Amino acid sequence: MGDFNKWNAKTHPMKRIKGGVWEKIVMLPSGRYEYKFLVDGHWWTDPKNEQTCYNCFGTQNSVIVIG
């Protein structure tokens, strides 16, 4: 979830694919986006993305810039 879908868990659900990996492909226009993963009721930043920023809850979101 992220600011690209107004943090709506139902808009872009991930799907489990071969090898037990979860994925979702989302086409986004250029811009800066904040996002997090919601796993079993717990929020997680992207472990493969070191770019983060603090949010209004005092925790961090992952950040991606699409150019």
N, C-alpha and C. Protein backbone atom coordinates (compact mmCIF):
# COMPACT_ATOMS: atom_id res chain seq x y z
N MET A 1 0.84 -1.17 0.00
CA MET A 1 0.00 0.00 0.00
C MET A 1 0.88 1.23 0.00
N GLY A 2 0.30 2.32 -0.48
CA GLY A 2 1.07 3.54 -0.48
C GLY A 2 0.22 4.73 -0.83
N ASP A 3 0.91 5.87 -0.94
CA ASP A 3 0.16 7.08 -1.29
C ASP A 3 -0.36 7.00 -2.72
N PHE A 4 0.18 6.10 -3.54
CA PHE A 4 -0.29 5.94 -4.91
C PHE A 4 -1.70 5.32 -4.99
N ASN A 5 -2.14 4.66 -3.91
CA ASN A 5 -3.50 4.09 -3.89
C ASN A 5 -4.27 4.51 -2.63
N LYS A 6 -3.84 5.65 -2.07
CA LYS A 6 -4.48 6.21 -0.87
C LYS A 6 -4.46 5.24 0.31
N TRP A 7 -3.40 4.41 0.37
CA TRP A 7 -3.18 3.45 1.46
C TRP A 7 -4.35 2.48 1.61
N ASN A 8 -4.95 2.11 0.50
CA ASN A 8 -6.10 1.20 0.49
C ASN A 8 -5.63 -0.24 0.26
N ALA A 9 -5.80 -1.10 1.26
CA ALA A 9 -5.33 -2.49 1.19
C ALA A 9 -6.05 -3.30 0.12
N LYS A 10 -7.23 -2.89 -0.27
CA LYS A 10 -8.01 -3.67 -1.24
C LYS A 10 -7.73 -3.29 -2.69
N THR A 11 -7.07 -2.15 -2.91
CA THR A 11 -6.86 -1.67 -4.27
C THR A 11 -5.84 -2.49 -5.06
N HIS A 12 -4.71 -2.82 -4.46
CA HIS A 12 -3.65 -3.55 -5.16
C HIS A 12 -3.14 -4.72 -4.32
N PRO A 13 -3.96 -5.73 -4.08
CA PRO A 13 -3.47 -6.87 -3.28
C PRO A 13 -2.38 -7.64 -4.02
N MET A 14 -1.40 -8.09 -3.27
CA MET A 14 -0.32 -8.90 -3.85
C MET A 14 -0.81 -10.32 -4.04
N LYS A 15 -0.15 -11.04 -4.94
CA LYS A 15 -0.49 -12.44 -5.20
C LYS A 15 0.75 -13.30 -5.04
N ARG A 16 0.54 -14.49 -4.52
CA ARG A 16 1.65 -15.42 -4.34
C ARG A 16 1.93 -16.11 -5.67
N ILE A 17 3.20 -16.11 -6.06
CA ILE A 17 3.59 -16.72 -7.32
C ILE A 17 4.57 -17.86 -7.06
N LYS A 18 5.08 -18.42 -8.11
CA LYS A 18 6.01 -19.55 -8.05
C LYS A 18 7.14 -19.29 -7.05
N GLY A 19 7.46 -20.28 -6.26
CA GLY A 19 8.55 -20.18 -5.30
C GLY A 19 8.17 -19.49 -4.00
N GLY A 20 6.88 -19.24 -3.80
CA GLY A 20 6.43 -18.63 -2.56
C GLY A 20 6.64 -17.13 -2.49
N VAL A 21 6.97 -16.51 -3.62
CA VAL A 21 7.20 -15.07 -3.66
C VAL A 21 5.88 -14.35 -3.87
N TRP A 22 5.72 -13.20 -3.22
CA TRP A 22 4.52 -12.38 -3.37
C TRP A 22 4.88 -11.20 -4.26
N GLU A 23 3.98 -10.86 -5.19
CA GLU A 23 4.25 -9.73 -6.07
C GLU A 23 2.98 -9.03 -6.51
N LYS A 24 3.17 -7.81 -6.96
CA LYS A 24 2.10 -7.03 -7.59
C LYS A 24 2.78 -6.01 -8.49
N ILE A 25 2.38 -5.96 -9.73
CA ILE A 25 2.91 -4.98 -10.67
C ILE A 25 1.89 -3.84 -10.76
N VAL A 26 2.37 -2.63 -10.54
CA VAL A 26 1.51 -1.44 -10.58
C VAL A 26 2.17 -0.44 -11.52
N MET A 27 1.43 0.01 -12.51
CA MET A 27 1.93 1.02 -13.45
C MET A 27 1.64 2.40 -12.85
N LEU A 28 2.71 3.17 -12.62
CA LEU A 28 2.56 4.49 -12.01
C LEU A 28 3.20 5.55 -12.88
N PRO A 29 2.62 6.74 -12.90
CA PRO A 29 3.26 7.84 -13.62
C PRO A 29 4.50 8.31 -12.85
N SER A 30 5.32 9.11 -13.51
CA SER A 30 6.51 9.65 -12.88
C SER A 30 6.13 10.38 -11.59
N GLY A 31 7.01 10.26 -10.59
CA GLY A 31 6.76 10.94 -9.33
C GLY A 31 7.43 10.25 -8.17
N ARG A 32 7.22 10.78 -6.99
CA ARG A 32 7.78 10.23 -5.75
C ARG A 32 6.63 9.59 -4.99
N TYR A 33 6.86 8.36 -4.53
CA TYR A 33 5.81 7.61 -3.85
C TYR A 33 6.33 7.02 -2.54
N GLU A 34 5.48 7.03 -1.53
CA GLU A 34 5.76 6.37 -0.26
C GLU A 34 4.90 5.13 -0.18
N TYR A 35 5.46 4.06 0.38
CA TYR A 35 4.72 2.80 0.47
C TYR A 35 5.24 1.94 1.62
N LYS A 36 4.46 0.95 1.98
CA LYS A 36 4.82 -0.05 2.98
C LYS A 36 4.09 -1.34 2.65
N PHE A 37 4.57 -2.43 3.22
CA PHE A 37 3.90 -3.71 3.09
C PHE A 37 3.12 -3.98 4.38
N LEU A 38 1.90 -4.47 4.25
CA LEU A 38 1.09 -4.89 5.40
C LEU A 38 1.05 -6.41 5.38
N VAL A 39 1.75 -7.03 6.33
CA VAL A 39 1.88 -8.48 6.37
C VAL A 39 1.32 -9.00 7.68
N ASP A 40 0.25 -9.78 7.59
CA ASP A 40 -0.38 -10.36 8.78
C ASP A 40 -0.65 -9.31 9.86
N GLY A 41 -1.12 -8.13 9.42
CA GLY A 41 -1.48 -7.08 10.37
C GLY A 41 -0.34 -6.21 10.85
N HIS A 42 0.87 -6.43 10.32
CA HIS A 42 2.04 -5.65 10.73
C HIS A 42 2.61 -4.91 9.53
N TRP A 43 3.01 -3.64 9.76
CA TRP A 43 3.59 -2.82 8.71
C TRP A 43 5.09 -3.07 8.59
N TRP A 44 5.58 -3.16 7.35
CA TRP A 44 7.01 -3.38 7.08
C TRP A 44 7.47 -2.47 5.95
N THR A 45 8.64 -1.88 6.13
CA THR A 45 9.25 -1.19 5.00
C THR A 45 9.83 -2.25 4.06
N ASP A 46 10.15 -1.84 2.86
CA ASP A 46 10.68 -2.75 1.84
C ASP A 46 12.12 -3.12 2.20
N PRO A 47 12.40 -4.39 2.48
CA PRO A 47 13.75 -4.79 2.87
C PRO A 47 14.77 -4.66 1.73
N LYS A 48 14.31 -4.48 0.50
CA LYS A 48 15.21 -4.35 -0.64
C LYS A 48 15.33 -2.90 -1.10
N ASN A 49 14.84 -1.98 -0.30
CA ASN A 49 14.91 -0.56 -0.66
C ASN A 49 15.38 0.23 0.56
N GLU A 50 16.55 0.82 0.45
CA GLU A 50 17.11 1.59 1.58
C GLU A 50 16.54 2.99 1.67
N GLN A 51 15.82 3.45 0.66
CA GLN A 51 15.26 4.81 0.68
C GLN A 51 14.00 4.83 1.54
N THR A 52 14.05 5.60 2.61
CA THR A 52 12.90 5.71 3.52
C THR A 52 12.72 7.17 3.94
N CYS A 53 11.57 7.44 4.52
CA CYS A 53 11.30 8.75 5.11
C CYS A 53 10.38 8.53 6.30
N TYR A 54 10.40 9.48 7.22
CA TYR A 54 9.51 9.38 8.37
C TYR A 54 8.10 9.80 7.97
N ASN A 55 7.11 9.14 8.58
CA ASN A 55 5.71 9.48 8.33
C ASN A 55 5.11 10.16 9.56
N CYS A 56 3.85 10.52 9.48
CA CYS A 56 3.20 11.25 10.58
C CYS A 56 2.97 10.40 11.83
N PHE A 57 3.23 9.08 11.75
CA PHE A 57 3.07 8.19 12.90
C PHE A 57 4.39 7.96 13.64
N GLY A 58 5.47 8.59 13.16
CA GLY A 58 6.77 8.44 13.79
C GLY A 58 7.52 7.19 13.36
N THR A 59 6.98 6.48 12.37
CA THR A 59 7.68 5.32 11.82
C THR A 59 8.15 5.70 10.42
N GLN A 60 8.67 4.75 9.69
CA GLN A 60 9.20 5.06 8.37
C GLN A 60 8.41 4.39 7.27
N ASN A 61 8.38 5.04 6.11
CA ASN A 61 7.83 4.47 4.89
C ASN A 61 8.97 4.28 3.90
N SER A 62 8.83 3.33 3.03
CA SER A 62 9.76 3.18 1.91
C SER A 62 9.41 4.23 0.88
N VAL A 63 10.41 4.66 0.12
CA VAL A 63 10.23 5.70 -0.89
C VAL A 63 10.77 5.21 -2.22
N ILE A 64 10.01 5.46 -3.28
CA ILE A 64 10.49 5.17 -4.63
C ILE A 64 10.21 6.40 -5.49
N VAL A 65 11.20 6.73 -6.33
CA VAL A 65 11.05 7.84 -7.26
C VAL A 65 11.07 7.25 -8.66
N ILE A 66 10.01 7.51 -9.41
CA ILE A 66 9.91 7.02 -10.78
C ILE A 66 10.14 8.22 -11.69
N GLY A 67 11.14 8.09 -12.55
CA GLY A 67 11.57 9.23 -13.29
C GLY A 67 11.14 9.38 -14.66
